[in-house]
Amino acid sequence: MQEERNINYSDEVSISQIISIILKKKTFILVFTAIAAIGSVFYSLSLRNIYTSSAILATSQESESISSALASYSALVDMAGINLSSPVENRSYEALERIKSLDFFSYYFLPNINLQDIFAVDSWDQKSNTLKYNEKLFDSSKNNWIRKVNFPLQKIPSNQEAYEHYKNILSINEDKKTGFVKLSISHPSPYIAKEWTDIIILQINESMKEIDKKESINSINFIEEQLETTKLAELRNALSKMLEKQIQVLMLTSASEGYVFKVISSPVAPERKSKPSRALICILGTFFGFIFSTFYSIFTFFYYKKA
């Protein structure tokens, strides 16, 4: 019983000591916290605004029809005993992976934008709706790259280097229950964020259309060659059905827009920034400044006391 009282008394003294230390060091704690608060304010103000434009997409009827036709086509290929690559069952999955790929960025996205807009933008002027570039990277007056880099980097950023920036500004989220896809692009300019989101949607639909069209034409040519050399009735019947399916796919590729994805909610130029949250940065900076200064005061007190 006496031992328990001693433990409680010791604990109470320790807590009292901590409170006493905090009170003695209150000037230091308050000053450090104030410095952290002011520092977090300046830091938050130094961050550029980022705007995010988003679109909600759904798999189009053309894409679903293509998947159905190709699934039937795959079964007929197996029946005919012809070795061809199996088609992708869900075209939207393939399309999403293509959007994330370096090939799509290099051949379909980058040719439709300015490289400096993805790599060298410093900020966006809201009043004049103009971009300001990092003067150490790009000279906008001469439209010339001036950055200094070491090998293997190049003065003009390569596709691979620019692709890393593309991955950072691109966001794709798929709702497994509904199948809807949220595609977003973030950029210092809300208008460019919207424009680039539109470009991605347009280019993925057009590129997938061209890919399917080319594959369908090649398949039709191959099947027609097989029909000319095949005399077996069952095999000719299977090839005829395969040809019919491929002609159906070719007709579906003539859809004008929304080949893989149709837009449920169109992207807009957002009026409000998506980040940074300056209020949160200031609150967290002040909080951690207070915590650090408090623990530092307690630590130094006991450290020098033992010494």
Protein backbone atom coordinates (compact mmCIF):
# COMPACT_ATOMS: atom_id res chain seq x y z
CA MET A 1 0.00 0.00 0.00
CA GLN A 2 2.85 2.32 0.89
CA GLU A 3 4.61 1.42 -2.41
CA GLU A 4 1.45 2.32 -4.41
CA ARG A 5 1.26 5.71 -2.68
CA ASN A 6 4.89 6.39 -3.52
CA ILE A 7 4.29 5.56 -7.20
CA ASN A 8 1.26 7.86 -7.36
CA TYR A 9 3.16 10.61 -5.59
CA SER A 10 6.10 10.19 -7.99
CA ASP A 11 3.80 10.39 -10.99
CA GLU A 12 2.14 13.50 -9.63
CA VAL A 13 5.50 15.16 -9.11
CA SER A 14 6.56 14.30 -12.68
CA ILE A 15 3.42 15.84 -14.12
CA SER A 16 3.92 18.90 -11.94
CA GLN A 17 7.47 19.19 -13.14
CA ILE A 18 6.37 19.05 -16.78
CA ILE A 19 3.79 21.76 -16.23
CA SER A 20 6.39 23.82 -14.38
CA ILE A 21 8.88 23.42 -17.24
CA ILE A 22 6.27 24.51 -19.79
CA LEU A 23 5.45 27.59 -17.72
CA LYS A 24 9.12 28.47 -17.32
CA LYS A 25 9.77 28.03 -21.02
CA LYS A 26 6.51 29.65 -22.13
CA THR A 27 8.31 32.58 -23.72
CA PHE A 28 10.44 30.28 -25.87
CA ILE A 29 7.43 28.09 -26.73
CA LEU A 30 5.27 31.06 -27.69
CA VAL A 31 8.02 32.68 -29.77
CA PHE A 32 8.86 29.44 -31.58
CA THR A 33 5.18 28.71 -32.20
CA ALA A 34 4.69 32.22 -33.57
CA ILE A 35 7.71 31.81 -35.86
CA ALA A 36 6.34 28.47 -37.08
CA ALA A 37 2.94 30.06 -37.68
CA ILE A 38 4.42 32.96 -39.65
CA GLY A 39 6.68 30.59 -41.56
CA SER A 40 3.75 28.38 -42.52
CA VAL A 41 1.85 31.45 -43.74
CA PHE A 42 4.72 32.52 -46.01
CA TYR A 43 5.20 28.94 -47.19
CA SER A 44 1.52 28.53 -48.05
CA LEU A 45 1.52 31.83 -49.93
CA SER A 46 4.56 30.72 -51.96
CA LEU A 47 2.69 27.69 -53.29
CA ARG A 48 0.98 28.13 -56.64
CA ASN A 49 -2.71 27.46 -57.03
CA ILE A 50 -3.67 24.21 -58.72
CA TYR A 51 -7.00 23.73 -60.47
CA THR A 52 -8.51 20.34 -61.25
CA SER A 53 -10.92 19.72 -64.11
CA SER A 54 -12.81 16.42 -64.05
CA ALA A 55 -15.09 14.45 -66.34
CA ILE A 56 -17.38 11.53 -65.54
CA LEU A 57 -17.25 8.88 -68.25
CA ALA A 58 -19.30 5.77 -69.00
CA THR A 59 -18.63 2.93 -71.40
CA SER A 60 -20.36 3.73 -74.68
CA GLN A 61 -22.80 1.43 -76.46
CA GLU A 62 -20.35 1.13 -79.34
CA SER A 63 -17.69 -0.20 -76.97
CA GLU A 64 -20.12 -2.71 -75.45
CA SER A 65 -21.18 -3.85 -78.92
CA ILE A 66 -17.54 -4.24 -79.93
CA SER A 67 -16.83 -6.35 -76.84
CA SER A 68 -19.86 -8.55 -77.57
CA ALA A 69 -18.93 -8.97 -81.21
CA LEU A 70 -15.29 -9.75 -80.41
CA ALA A 71 -16.32 -12.27 -77.76
CA SER A 72 -18.39 -14.14 -80.33
CA TYR A 73 -15.57 -13.78 -82.81
CA SER A 74 -13.14 -15.38 -80.34
CA ALA A 75 -15.41 -18.39 -79.95
CA LEU A 76 -15.66 -18.80 -83.72
CA VAL A 77 -11.89 -18.57 -84.04
CA ASP A 78 -11.52 -21.45 -81.60
CA MET A 79 -14.10 -23.47 -83.56
CA ALA A 80 -12.26 -22.84 -86.81
CA GLY A 81 -8.92 -23.81 -85.28
CA ILE A 82 -7.24 -20.59 -86.41
CA ASN A 83 -4.53 -19.15 -84.16
CA LEU A 84 -5.25 -15.43 -83.71
CA SER A 85 -4.69 -13.16 -80.73
CA SER A 86 -7.65 -13.16 -78.38
CA PRO A 87 -9.55 -9.87 -78.08
CA VAL A 88 -9.91 -7.85 -74.93
CA GLU A 89 -13.30 -8.52 -73.35
CA ASN A 90 -13.79 -5.05 -71.90
CA ARG A 91 -12.57 -2.27 -74.13
CA SER A 92 -12.81 0.35 -71.38
CA TYR A 93 -10.15 -1.45 -69.30
CA GLU A 94 -7.78 -1.39 -72.24
CA ALA A 95 -8.58 2.26 -72.92
CA LEU A 96 -7.81 3.29 -69.33
CA GLU A 97 -4.46 1.53 -69.43
CA ARG A 98 -3.66 3.20 -72.73
CA ILE A 99 -4.38 6.64 -71.26
CA LYS A 100 -1.80 5.94 -68.54
CA SER A 101 0.82 4.69 -71.00
CA LEU A 102 3.89 6.43 -72.40
CA ASP A 103 2.78 5.59 -75.95
CA PHE A 104 -0.52 7.42 -75.56
CA PHE A 105 1.24 10.40 -74.00
CA SER A 106 3.88 10.52 -76.75
CA TYR A 107 1.71 9.93 -79.82
CA TYR A 108 -1.72 11.26 -78.90
CA PHE A 109 -1.44 13.75 -76.02
CA LEU A 110 1.91 15.55 -76.36
CA PRO A 111 1.45 16.50 -80.07
CA ASN A 112 -1.72 18.41 -79.09
CA ILE A 113 -0.21 20.55 -76.32
CA ASN A 114 2.81 22.78 -75.69
CA LEU A 115 5.63 20.97 -73.94
CA GLN A 116 6.45 24.01 -71.81
CA ASP A 117 2.87 24.07 -70.47
CA ILE A 118 3.36 20.72 -68.79
CA PHE A 119 6.98 21.13 -67.78
CA ALA A 120 7.93 24.75 -67.12
CA VAL A 121 4.83 26.59 -65.84
CA ASP A 122 5.48 28.65 -62.75
CA SER A 123 2.05 30.23 -62.24
CA TRP A 124 -1.10 31.47 -63.94
CA ASP A 125 -2.16 35.11 -64.11
CA GLN A 126 -5.90 35.19 -63.53
CA LYS A 127 -6.45 38.75 -64.80
CA SER A 128 -4.71 38.31 -68.15
CA ASN A 129 -5.29 34.54 -68.40
CA THR A 130 -1.63 33.98 -69.23
CA LEU A 131 0.97 31.53 -68.01
CA LYS A 132 4.20 32.54 -66.35
CA TYR A 133 7.13 30.18 -66.93
CA ASN A 134 10.13 29.34 -64.82
CA GLU A 135 12.82 31.65 -66.18
CA LYS A 136 15.51 29.07 -65.44
CA LEU A 137 13.82 26.55 -67.69
CA PHE A 138 12.06 28.32 -70.53
CA ASP A 139 12.41 31.77 -72.13
CA SER A 140 8.87 32.67 -73.21
CA SER A 141 9.99 35.85 -75.03
CA LYS A 142 12.17 33.81 -77.40
CA ASN A 143 10.14 30.60 -77.13
CA ASN A 144 13.35 28.77 -76.28
CA TRP A 145 14.46 26.22 -73.68
CA ILE A 146 17.35 27.53 -71.58
CA ARG A 147 17.60 25.02 -68.75
CA LYS A 148 20.99 23.58 -67.84
CA VAL A 149 21.07 19.84 -67.24
CA ASN A 150 23.56 17.02 -67.12
CA PHE A 151 23.52 13.85 -69.21
CA PRO A 152 21.35 11.82 -69.72
CA LEU A 153 18.87 14.71 -69.46
CA GLN A 154 18.49 16.99 -72.48
CA LYS A 155 18.03 20.74 -72.79
CA ILE A 156 14.62 20.13 -74.31
CA PRO A 157 12.83 17.63 -72.06
CA SER A 158 12.40 14.20 -73.60
CA ASN A 159 9.06 12.42 -73.87
CA GLN A 160 10.02 10.16 -70.98
CA GLU A 161 10.90 13.07 -68.72
CA ALA A 162 7.72 14.98 -69.60
CA TYR A 163 5.73 11.76 -69.10
CA GLU A 164 6.65 11.79 -65.40
CA HIS A 165 4.91 15.17 -65.08
CA TYR A 166 1.92 13.82 -67.00
CA LYS A 167 1.51 10.97 -64.52
CA ASN A 168 1.54 13.44 -61.64
CA ILE A 169 -1.25 15.62 -63.04
CA LEU A 170 -3.43 12.74 -64.31
CA SER A 171 -5.95 11.06 -62.05
CA ILE A 172 -8.24 8.15 -63.02
CA ASN A 173 -10.72 6.65 -60.57
CA GLU A 174 -13.15 3.91 -61.53
CA ASP A 175 -16.28 3.05 -59.56
CA LYS A 176 -16.39 -0.74 -59.56
CA LYS A 177 -20.12 -0.80 -58.77
CA THR A 178 -21.38 1.60 -61.42
CA GLY A 179 -18.55 1.32 -63.94
CA PHE A 180 -18.30 5.11 -64.17
CA VAL A 181 -14.82 6.57 -64.60
CA LYS A 182 -13.68 9.91 -63.18
CA LEU A 183 -10.89 11.38 -65.28
CA SER A 184 -9.11 14.47 -63.91
CA ILE A 185 -6.27 16.76 -64.91
CA SER A 186 -4.64 19.25 -62.51
CA HIS A 187 -2.83 22.37 -63.69
CA PRO A 188 -2.05 25.94 -62.55
CA SER A 189 -4.45 27.15 -65.27
CA PRO A 190 -8.09 26.02 -64.97
CA TYR A 191 -8.58 26.51 -68.71
CA ILE A 192 -5.67 24.27 -69.62
CA ALA A 193 -6.87 21.68 -67.11
CA LYS A 194 -10.22 21.58 -68.94
CA GLU A 195 -8.63 21.63 -72.39
CA TRP A 196 -6.31 18.74 -71.59
CA THR A 197 -9.12 16.67 -70.11
CA ASP A 198 -11.07 17.18 -73.36
CA ILE A 199 -8.00 16.21 -75.40
CA ILE A 200 -7.53 12.94 -73.51
CA ILE A 201 -11.19 11.95 -73.95
CA LEU A 202 -11.14 12.81 -77.66
CA GLN A 203 -7.82 11.13 -78.37
CA ILE A 204 -8.55 7.89 -76.52
CA ASN A 205 -11.81 7.50 -78.44
CA GLU A 206 -10.15 8.27 -81.77
CA SER A 207 -7.08 6.12 -81.14
CA MET A 208 -9.11 3.11 -80.02
CA LYS A 209 -11.34 3.55 -83.06
CA GLU A 210 -8.34 3.52 -85.40
CA ILE A 211 -6.79 0.51 -83.66
CA ASP A 212 -10.01 -1.53 -83.92
CA LYS A 213 -10.56 -0.41 -87.49
CA LYS A 214 -7.07 -1.48 -88.54
CA GLU A 215 -7.32 -4.83 -86.74
CA SER A 216 -10.75 -5.45 -88.23
CA ILE A 217 -9.56 -4.75 -91.78
CA ASN A 218 -6.58 -7.07 -91.32
CA SER A 219 -8.87 -9.78 -89.94
CA ILE A 220 -11.31 -9.38 -92.83
CA ASN A 221 -8.49 -9.71 -95.36
CA PHE A 222 -7.16 -12.79 -93.58
CA ILE A 223 -10.59 -14.45 -93.36
CA GLU A 224 -11.28 -13.78 -97.05
CA GLU A 225 -7.97 -15.45 -97.95
CA GLN A 226 -8.94 -18.44 -95.83
CA LEU A 227 -12.33 -18.67 -97.54
CA GLU A 228 -10.68 -18.82 -100.95
CA THR A 229 -8.52 -21.81 -99.98
CA THR A 230 -10.96 -23.69 -97.72
CA LYS A 231 -13.39 -26.25 -99.15
CA LEU A 232 -14.73 -27.82 -95.94
CA ALA A 233 -18.35 -26.72 -95.48
CA GLU A 234 -18.20 -26.49 -91.67
CA LEU A 235 -15.02 -24.46 -91.73
CA ARG A 236 -16.37 -22.16 -94.45
CA ASN A 237 -19.53 -21.63 -92.38
CA ALA A 238 -17.45 -20.70 -89.33
CA LEU A 239 -15.27 -18.37 -91.40
CA SER A 240 -18.37 -16.71 -92.87
CA LYS A 241 -19.72 -15.99 -89.40
CA MET A 242 -16.33 -14.63 -88.38
CA LEU A 243 -16.35 -12.38 -91.44
CA GLU A 244 -19.82 -11.15 -90.53
CA LYS A 245 -18.70 -10.27 -87.01
CA GLN A 246 -15.67 -8.41 -88.30
CA ILE A 247 -17.77 -6.41 -90.74
CA GLN A 248 -20.00 -5.52 -87.79
CA VAL A 249 -16.97 -4.31 -85.85
CA LEU A 250 -15.80 -2.29 -88.86
CA MET A 251 -19.20 -0.62 -89.12
CA LEU A 252 -19.17 0.26 -85.42
CA THR A 253 -15.81 1.98 -85.80
CA SER A 254 -17.55 4.55 -87.99
CA ALA A 255 -19.18 6.07 -84.91
CA SER A 256 -18.43 9.80 -84.92
CA GLU A 257 -17.70 10.23 -81.20
CA GLY A 258 -17.92 8.49 -77.86
CA TYR A 259 -16.45 5.32 -79.33
CA VAL A 260 -15.14 3.88 -76.05
CA PHE A 261 -16.32 6.46 -73.52
CA LYS A 262 -19.31 8.75 -73.56
CA VAL A 263 -19.25 11.84 -71.37
CA ILE A 264 -21.75 11.89 -68.50
CA SER A 265 -20.38 15.06 -66.91
CA SER A 266 -18.28 17.33 -69.12
CA PRO A 267 -15.06 18.91 -67.83
CA VAL A 268 -15.22 22.60 -66.95
CA ALA A 269 -12.68 25.30 -66.12
CA PRO A 270 -13.01 25.34 -62.31
CA GLU A 271 -13.50 28.68 -60.57
CA ARG A 272 -11.97 27.46 -57.32
CA LYS A 273 -8.57 25.92 -56.79
CA SER A 274 -8.28 22.31 -55.65
CA LYS A 275 -5.03 22.88 -53.76
CA PRO A 276 -3.14 23.96 -51.76
CA SER A 277 -5.25 24.27 -48.62
CA ARG A 278 -3.47 27.26 -47.11
CA ALA A 279 -5.61 27.35 -43.97
CA LEU A 280 -4.76 23.71 -43.22
CA ILE A 281 -1.05 24.33 -43.85
CA CYS A 282 -1.07 27.25 -41.41
CA ILE A 283 -2.94 25.28 -38.75
CA LEU A 284 -0.64 22.27 -39.03
CA GLY A 285 2.47 24.47 -39.09
CA THR A 286 1.38 26.25 -35.90
CA PHE A 287 0.41 22.99 -34.20
CA PHE A 288 3.66 21.19 -34.96
CA GLY A 289 5.63 24.30 -33.98
CA PHE A 290 3.95 24.25 -30.57
CA ILE A 291 4.46 20.49 -30.13
CA PHE A 292 8.11 20.62 -31.17
CA SER A 293 8.98 23.58 -28.93
CA THR A 294 7.21 21.98 -25.96
CA PHE A 295 8.96 18.63 -26.29
CA TYR A 296 12.26 20.35 -26.95
CA SER A 297 11.93 22.38 -23.75
CA ILE A 298 11.11 19.27 -21.69
CA PHE A 299 13.89 17.24 -23.28
CA THR A 300 16.60 19.87 -22.75
CA PHE A 301 15.52 20.40 -19.11
CA PHE A 302 15.94 16.73 -18.14
CA TYR A 303 19.03 16.32 -20.33
CA TYR A 304 20.95 19.15 -18.65
CA LYS A 305 19.60 18.11 -15.25
CA LYS A 306 21.14 14.64 -15.63
CA ALA A 307 24.34 16.13 -16.98
